[in-house]
N, C-alpha and C. Protein backbone atom coordinates (compact mmCIF):
# COMPACT_ATOMS: atom_id res chain seq x y z
N GLN A 1 110.58 86.21 41.05
CA GLN A 1 110.83 87.60 41.42
C GLN A 1 111.59 87.64 42.73
N VAL A 2 112.73 88.27 42.69
CA VAL A 2 113.55 88.38 43.89
C VAL A 2 113.06 89.56 44.73
N GLN A 3 112.91 89.33 46.00
CA GLN A 3 112.56 90.40 46.94
C GLN A 3 113.68 90.56 47.94
N LEU A 4 114.02 91.81 48.21
CA LEU A 4 115.09 92.14 49.15
C LEU A 4 114.52 93.05 50.23
N VAL A 5 114.83 92.73 51.47
CA VAL A 5 114.34 93.53 52.59
C VAL A 5 115.53 93.88 53.48
N GLU A 6 115.78 95.18 53.62
CA GLU A 6 116.87 95.64 54.47
C GLU A 6 116.37 95.91 55.88
N SER A 7 117.29 95.81 56.82
CA SER A 7 117.01 96.17 58.20
C SER A 7 118.33 96.53 58.88
N GLY A 8 118.22 97.11 60.06
CA GLY A 8 119.42 97.40 60.83
C GLY A 8 119.86 98.84 60.86
N GLY A 9 119.18 99.69 60.12
CA GLY A 9 119.54 101.10 60.15
C GLY A 9 119.14 101.75 61.46
N GLY A 10 119.58 102.98 61.64
CA GLY A 10 119.24 103.69 62.87
C GLY A 10 120.10 104.91 63.05
N LEU A 11 120.04 105.46 64.26
CA LEU A 11 120.81 106.64 64.64
C LEU A 11 121.99 106.21 65.49
N VAL A 12 123.18 106.67 65.14
CA VAL A 12 124.38 106.29 65.87
C VAL A 12 125.31 107.49 65.93
N GLN A 13 126.09 107.57 66.96
CA GLN A 13 127.07 108.65 67.08
C GLN A 13 128.29 108.36 66.20
N ALA A 14 128.97 109.42 65.81
CA ALA A 14 130.20 109.26 65.04
C ALA A 14 131.16 108.35 65.79
N GLY A 15 131.79 107.45 65.04
CA GLY A 15 132.69 106.48 65.64
C GLY A 15 132.01 105.17 65.99
N GLY A 16 130.70 105.15 65.95
CA GLY A 16 129.95 103.96 66.29
C GLY A 16 129.85 102.98 65.14
N SER A 17 129.09 101.91 65.38
CA SER A 17 128.95 100.83 64.40
C SER A 17 127.49 100.46 64.20
N LEU A 18 127.19 99.98 63.03
CA LEU A 18 125.89 99.40 62.70
C LEU A 18 126.12 98.23 61.76
N ARG A 19 125.21 97.27 61.80
CA ARG A 19 125.24 96.19 60.84
C ARG A 19 123.91 96.15 60.11
N LEU A 20 123.96 96.37 58.82
CA LEU A 20 122.77 96.30 58.00
C LEU A 20 122.61 94.87 57.50
N SER A 21 121.35 94.44 57.43
CA SER A 21 121.03 93.11 56.92
C SER A 21 120.15 93.23 55.69
N CYS A 22 120.31 92.29 54.78
CA CYS A 22 119.48 92.21 53.58
C CYS A 22 119.01 90.78 53.44
N ALA A 23 117.70 90.58 53.62
CA ALA A 23 117.11 89.26 53.50
C ALA A 23 116.55 89.09 52.10
N ALA A 24 116.94 88.01 51.44
CA ALA A 24 116.50 87.76 50.07
C ALA A 24 115.50 86.61 50.04
N SER A 25 114.51 86.75 49.17
CA SER A 25 113.56 85.66 48.91
C SER A 25 113.27 85.63 47.42
N GLY A 26 112.91 84.44 46.92
CA GLY A 26 112.64 84.31 45.50
C GLY A 26 113.89 84.17 44.66
N GLY A 27 115.03 84.11 45.30
CA GLY A 27 116.30 83.97 44.60
C GLY A 27 117.39 83.61 45.58
N THR A 28 118.53 83.21 45.08
CA THR A 28 119.64 82.75 45.91
C THR A 28 120.79 83.73 45.81
N VAL A 29 121.17 84.32 46.94
CA VAL A 29 122.19 85.38 46.91
C VAL A 29 123.53 84.86 46.43
N SER A 30 123.78 83.55 46.61
CA SER A 30 125.07 83.01 46.19
C SER A 30 125.21 83.00 44.67
N ARG A 31 124.11 83.16 43.95
CA ARG A 31 124.14 83.13 42.49
C ARG A 31 124.18 84.52 41.87
N TYR A 32 124.07 85.55 42.71
CA TYR A 32 123.99 86.91 42.19
C TYR A 32 125.17 87.75 42.68
N ALA A 33 125.47 88.78 41.92
CA ALA A 33 126.30 89.84 42.46
C ALA A 33 125.40 90.67 43.37
N MET A 34 125.78 90.80 44.63
CA MET A 34 125.00 91.53 45.61
C MET A 34 125.73 92.82 45.99
N GLY A 35 124.97 93.90 46.03
CA GLY A 35 125.59 95.18 46.31
C GLY A 35 124.83 95.99 47.34
N TRP A 36 125.54 96.94 47.91
CA TRP A 36 124.94 97.96 48.78
C TRP A 36 125.21 99.33 48.14
N PHE A 37 124.17 100.13 48.09
CA PHE A 37 124.26 101.50 47.60
C PHE A 37 123.69 102.41 48.68
N ARG A 38 123.96 103.70 48.56
CA ARG A 38 123.38 104.67 49.49
C ARG A 38 123.03 105.95 48.76
N GLN A 39 122.07 106.65 49.33
CA GLN A 39 121.64 107.92 48.75
C GLN A 39 121.38 108.92 49.87
N ALA A 40 122.16 109.98 49.86
CA ALA A 40 121.98 111.05 50.81
C ALA A 40 121.04 112.10 50.22
N PRO A 41 120.41 112.91 51.06
CA PRO A 41 119.48 113.94 50.55
C PRO A 41 120.16 114.87 49.55
N GLY A 42 119.52 115.04 48.41
CA GLY A 42 120.05 115.94 47.40
C GLY A 42 121.20 115.38 46.59
N LYS A 43 121.54 114.12 46.81
CA LYS A 43 122.66 113.52 46.09
C LYS A 43 122.21 112.30 45.30
N GLU A 44 123.00 111.90 44.34
CA GLU A 44 122.70 110.70 43.56
C GLU A 44 123.04 109.45 44.38
N ARG A 45 122.38 108.39 43.99
CA ARG A 45 122.68 107.11 44.63
C ARG A 45 124.10 106.70 44.27
N GLU A 46 124.85 106.23 45.26
CA GLU A 46 126.23 105.85 45.01
C GLU A 46 126.53 104.44 45.50
N PHE A 47 127.45 103.81 44.80
CA PHE A 47 127.90 102.48 45.15
C PHE A 47 128.66 102.52 46.47
N VAL A 48 128.44 101.50 47.30
CA VAL A 48 129.16 101.40 48.57
C VAL A 48 130.02 100.14 48.59
N ALA A 49 129.42 99.00 48.27
CA ALA A 49 130.16 97.73 48.34
C ALA A 49 129.40 96.68 47.56
N ALA A 50 130.13 95.66 47.11
CA ALA A 50 129.50 94.54 46.41
C ALA A 50 130.31 93.29 46.64
N ILE A 51 129.65 92.15 46.43
CA ILE A 51 130.30 90.87 46.68
C ILE A 51 129.86 89.86 45.64
N THR A 52 130.83 89.13 45.11
CA THR A 52 130.60 87.93 44.31
C THR A 52 131.53 86.88 44.90
N TRP A 53 132.51 86.45 44.12
CA TRP A 53 133.57 85.63 44.70
C TRP A 53 134.66 86.53 45.28
N THR A 54 134.52 87.83 45.06
CA THR A 54 135.42 88.82 45.60
C THR A 54 134.57 90.00 46.10
N THR A 55 135.23 91.02 46.58
CA THR A 55 134.51 92.18 47.08
C THR A 55 135.10 93.46 46.50
N LYS A 56 134.28 94.51 46.52
CA LYS A 56 134.74 95.81 46.05
C LYS A 56 134.08 96.86 46.93
N TYR A 57 134.81 97.94 47.22
CA TYR A 57 134.31 98.97 48.11
C TYR A 57 134.54 100.36 47.54
N LEU A 58 133.66 101.26 47.91
CA LEU A 58 133.87 102.68 47.70
C LEU A 58 135.12 103.08 48.48
N ASP A 59 135.97 103.89 47.87
CA ASP A 59 137.24 104.23 48.52
C ASP A 59 137.05 104.80 49.93
N SER A 60 136.04 105.60 50.11
CA SER A 60 135.87 106.29 51.39
C SER A 60 135.39 105.36 52.51
N VAL A 61 135.00 104.13 52.18
CA VAL A 61 134.56 103.21 53.22
C VAL A 61 135.52 102.05 53.42
N LYS A 62 136.55 101.98 52.58
CA LYS A 62 137.54 100.89 52.71
C LYS A 62 138.17 100.93 54.10
N GLY A 63 138.25 99.75 54.71
CA GLY A 63 138.82 99.65 56.04
C GLY A 63 137.82 99.90 57.15
N ARG A 64 136.65 100.42 56.79
CA ARG A 64 135.61 100.68 57.80
C ARG A 64 134.38 99.79 57.60
N PHE A 65 134.04 99.52 56.36
CA PHE A 65 132.86 98.71 56.04
C PHE A 65 133.30 97.35 55.53
N THR A 66 132.47 96.34 55.82
CA THR A 66 132.72 95.00 55.32
C THR A 66 131.41 94.41 54.81
N ILE A 67 131.41 93.91 53.59
CA ILE A 67 130.23 93.24 53.05
C ILE A 67 130.41 91.75 53.25
N LEU A 68 129.35 91.09 53.71
CA LEU A 68 129.40 89.67 54.03
C LEU A 68 128.18 88.99 53.44
N ARG A 69 128.33 87.72 53.13
CA ARG A 69 127.20 86.95 52.59
C ARG A 69 127.10 85.64 53.36
N ASP A 70 125.89 85.32 53.79
CA ASP A 70 125.61 84.04 54.46
C ASP A 70 124.71 83.24 53.53
N ASN A 71 125.30 82.31 52.80
CA ASN A 71 124.54 81.55 51.82
C ASN A 71 123.47 80.67 52.49
N ALA A 72 123.77 80.15 53.64
CA ALA A 72 122.83 79.27 54.33
C ALA A 72 121.56 80.02 54.73
N LYS A 73 121.72 81.29 55.10
CA LYS A 73 120.57 82.10 55.52
C LYS A 73 120.02 82.93 54.36
N ASN A 74 120.71 82.91 53.23
CA ASN A 74 120.30 83.73 52.08
C ASN A 74 120.26 85.21 52.46
N MET A 75 121.30 85.64 53.13
CA MET A 75 121.39 87.01 53.65
C MET A 75 122.69 87.65 53.19
N VAL A 76 122.65 88.96 53.09
CA VAL A 76 123.84 89.76 52.85
C VAL A 76 123.88 90.84 53.93
N TYR A 77 125.08 91.15 54.40
CA TYR A 77 125.23 92.11 55.47
C TYR A 77 126.22 93.21 55.08
N LEU A 78 126.06 94.34 55.72
CA LEU A 78 127.06 95.40 55.60
C LEU A 78 127.42 95.82 57.02
N GLN A 79 128.59 95.41 57.45
CA GLN A 79 129.10 95.80 58.76
C GLN A 79 129.80 97.14 58.62
N MET A 80 129.30 98.12 59.35
CA MET A 80 129.83 99.48 59.24
C MET A 80 130.43 99.91 60.57
N ASN A 81 131.71 100.15 60.57
CA ASN A 81 132.44 100.60 61.77
C ASN A 81 133.00 101.99 61.55
N SER A 82 133.37 102.63 62.64
CA SER A 82 133.96 103.97 62.58
C SER A 82 133.12 104.91 61.72
N LEU A 83 131.83 104.90 61.98
CA LEU A 83 130.92 105.69 61.15
C LEU A 83 131.18 107.18 61.29
N LYS A 84 130.94 107.88 60.18
CA LYS A 84 131.15 109.32 60.11
C LYS A 84 129.84 110.00 59.71
N PRO A 85 129.66 111.26 60.06
CA PRO A 85 128.43 111.96 59.66
C PRO A 85 128.19 111.90 58.15
N GLU A 86 129.24 111.87 57.36
CA GLU A 86 129.06 111.81 55.90
C GLU A 86 128.57 110.45 55.41
N ASP A 87 128.49 109.48 56.29
CA ASP A 87 127.90 108.18 55.93
C ASP A 87 126.38 108.21 56.03
N THR A 88 125.83 109.30 56.53
CA THR A 88 124.38 109.42 56.66
C THR A 88 123.71 109.34 55.30
N ALA A 89 122.77 108.41 55.18
CA ALA A 89 122.07 108.18 53.91
C ALA A 89 121.04 107.08 54.09
N VAL A 90 120.23 106.90 53.07
CA VAL A 90 119.40 105.70 52.98
C VAL A 90 120.24 104.64 52.27
N TYR A 91 120.34 103.48 52.86
CA TYR A 91 121.15 102.39 52.31
C TYR A 91 120.24 101.35 51.67
N TYR A 92 120.62 100.94 50.46
CA TYR A 92 119.83 100.00 49.69
C TYR A 92 120.64 98.74 49.37
N CYS A 93 119.98 97.62 49.45
CA CYS A 93 120.54 96.35 49.01
C CYS A 93 120.08 96.10 47.58
N ALA A 94 120.94 95.53 46.76
CA ALA A 94 120.61 95.30 45.35
C ALA A 94 121.19 93.99 44.88
N ALA A 95 120.53 93.40 43.88
CA ALA A 95 120.98 92.14 43.30
C ALA A 95 121.05 92.25 41.79
N ASP A 96 122.17 91.78 41.25
CA ASP A 96 122.33 91.70 39.80
C ASP A 96 122.17 90.24 39.43
N ALA A 97 121.02 89.91 38.86
CA ALA A 97 120.71 88.52 38.55
C ALA A 97 121.28 88.07 37.21
N ASP A 98 121.83 89.00 36.44
CA ASP A 98 122.27 88.65 35.09
C ASP A 98 123.76 88.41 34.99
N SER A 99 124.50 88.77 36.02
CA SER A 99 125.95 88.67 35.93
C SER A 99 126.53 88.41 37.30
N PHE A 100 127.64 87.70 37.31
CA PHE A 100 128.35 87.50 38.57
C PHE A 100 129.57 88.42 38.63
N ALA A 101 129.58 89.42 37.76
CA ALA A 101 130.66 90.40 37.79
C ALA A 101 130.22 91.60 38.62
N ILE A 102 131.13 92.12 39.40
CA ILE A 102 130.80 93.28 40.25
C ILE A 102 130.71 94.54 39.39
N SER A 103 129.65 95.29 39.59
CA SER A 103 129.51 96.58 38.93
C SER A 103 129.21 97.65 39.97
N VAL A 104 129.74 98.84 39.73
CA VAL A 104 129.46 99.98 40.61
C VAL A 104 128.30 100.81 40.08
N ARG A 105 127.76 100.42 38.93
CA ARG A 105 126.67 101.18 38.30
C ARG A 105 125.32 100.67 38.79
N SER A 106 124.52 101.53 39.34
CA SER A 106 123.23 101.11 39.90
C SER A 106 122.31 100.55 38.83
N GLY A 107 122.44 101.03 37.59
CA GLY A 107 121.55 100.58 36.52
C GLY A 107 121.72 99.13 36.15
N VAL A 108 122.81 98.54 36.57
CA VAL A 108 123.07 97.13 36.26
C VAL A 108 122.24 96.20 37.15
N TYR A 109 121.92 96.66 38.32
CA TYR A 109 121.24 95.82 39.30
C TYR A 109 119.75 95.71 39.01
N ASP A 110 119.24 94.49 39.13
CA ASP A 110 117.87 94.21 38.72
C ASP A 110 116.85 94.37 39.84
N TYR A 111 117.27 94.07 41.05
CA TYR A 111 116.34 94.05 42.17
C TYR A 111 116.88 94.92 43.30
N TRP A 112 115.94 95.60 43.97
CA TRP A 112 116.30 96.54 45.02
C TRP A 112 115.40 96.37 46.23
N GLY A 113 115.97 96.62 47.39
CA GLY A 113 115.16 96.69 48.59
C GLY A 113 114.55 98.07 48.75
N GLN A 114 113.82 98.24 49.84
CA GLN A 114 113.12 99.50 50.06
C GLN A 114 114.01 100.55 50.73
N GLY A 115 115.14 100.12 51.25
CA GLY A 115 116.09 101.03 51.88
C GLY A 115 115.92 101.10 53.39
N THR A 116 117.02 101.42 54.05
CA THR A 116 117.01 101.61 55.50
C THR A 116 117.84 102.85 55.82
N GLN A 117 117.32 103.68 56.71
CA GLN A 117 117.97 104.96 57.01
C GLN A 117 119.10 104.77 58.01
N VAL A 118 120.24 105.34 57.69
CA VAL A 118 121.37 105.39 58.61
C VAL A 118 121.69 106.86 58.86
N THR A 119 121.67 107.25 60.13
CA THR A 119 121.97 108.63 60.49
C THR A 119 123.12 108.62 61.50
N VAL A 120 124.18 109.34 61.18
CA VAL A 120 125.35 109.40 62.05
C VAL A 120 125.47 110.83 62.57
N SER A 121 125.38 110.97 63.88
CA SER A 121 125.45 112.30 64.49
C SER A 121 126.89 112.63 64.87
N SER A 122 127.21 113.91 64.82
CA SER A 122 128.58 114.34 65.13
C SER A 122 128.73 114.67 66.60
């Protein structure tokens, strides 16, 4: 059973930066498609970024967010720069253990973390 634990969320002013971390246990991140999703109040969960041998991003975060994987530490990160109030959401780390293909659909992912709150003030 893969367990994912996110950390690094918090309150930041617009234009600021945060780095989210996702620690994995019970599985190896290098073998999975790893993704970050977010959910704002009253909205559906949406894809933000994912990584396999390549990366994919939500259009609105391209150039501002970077997904990184540290195989030695079994960690995945989401570096978020130039944050905007519309980035405010709970951010979730997810793992797709069945495929190494990137998917933007949350239903494809098998394992999820508990989420970490990111709040960007204007």
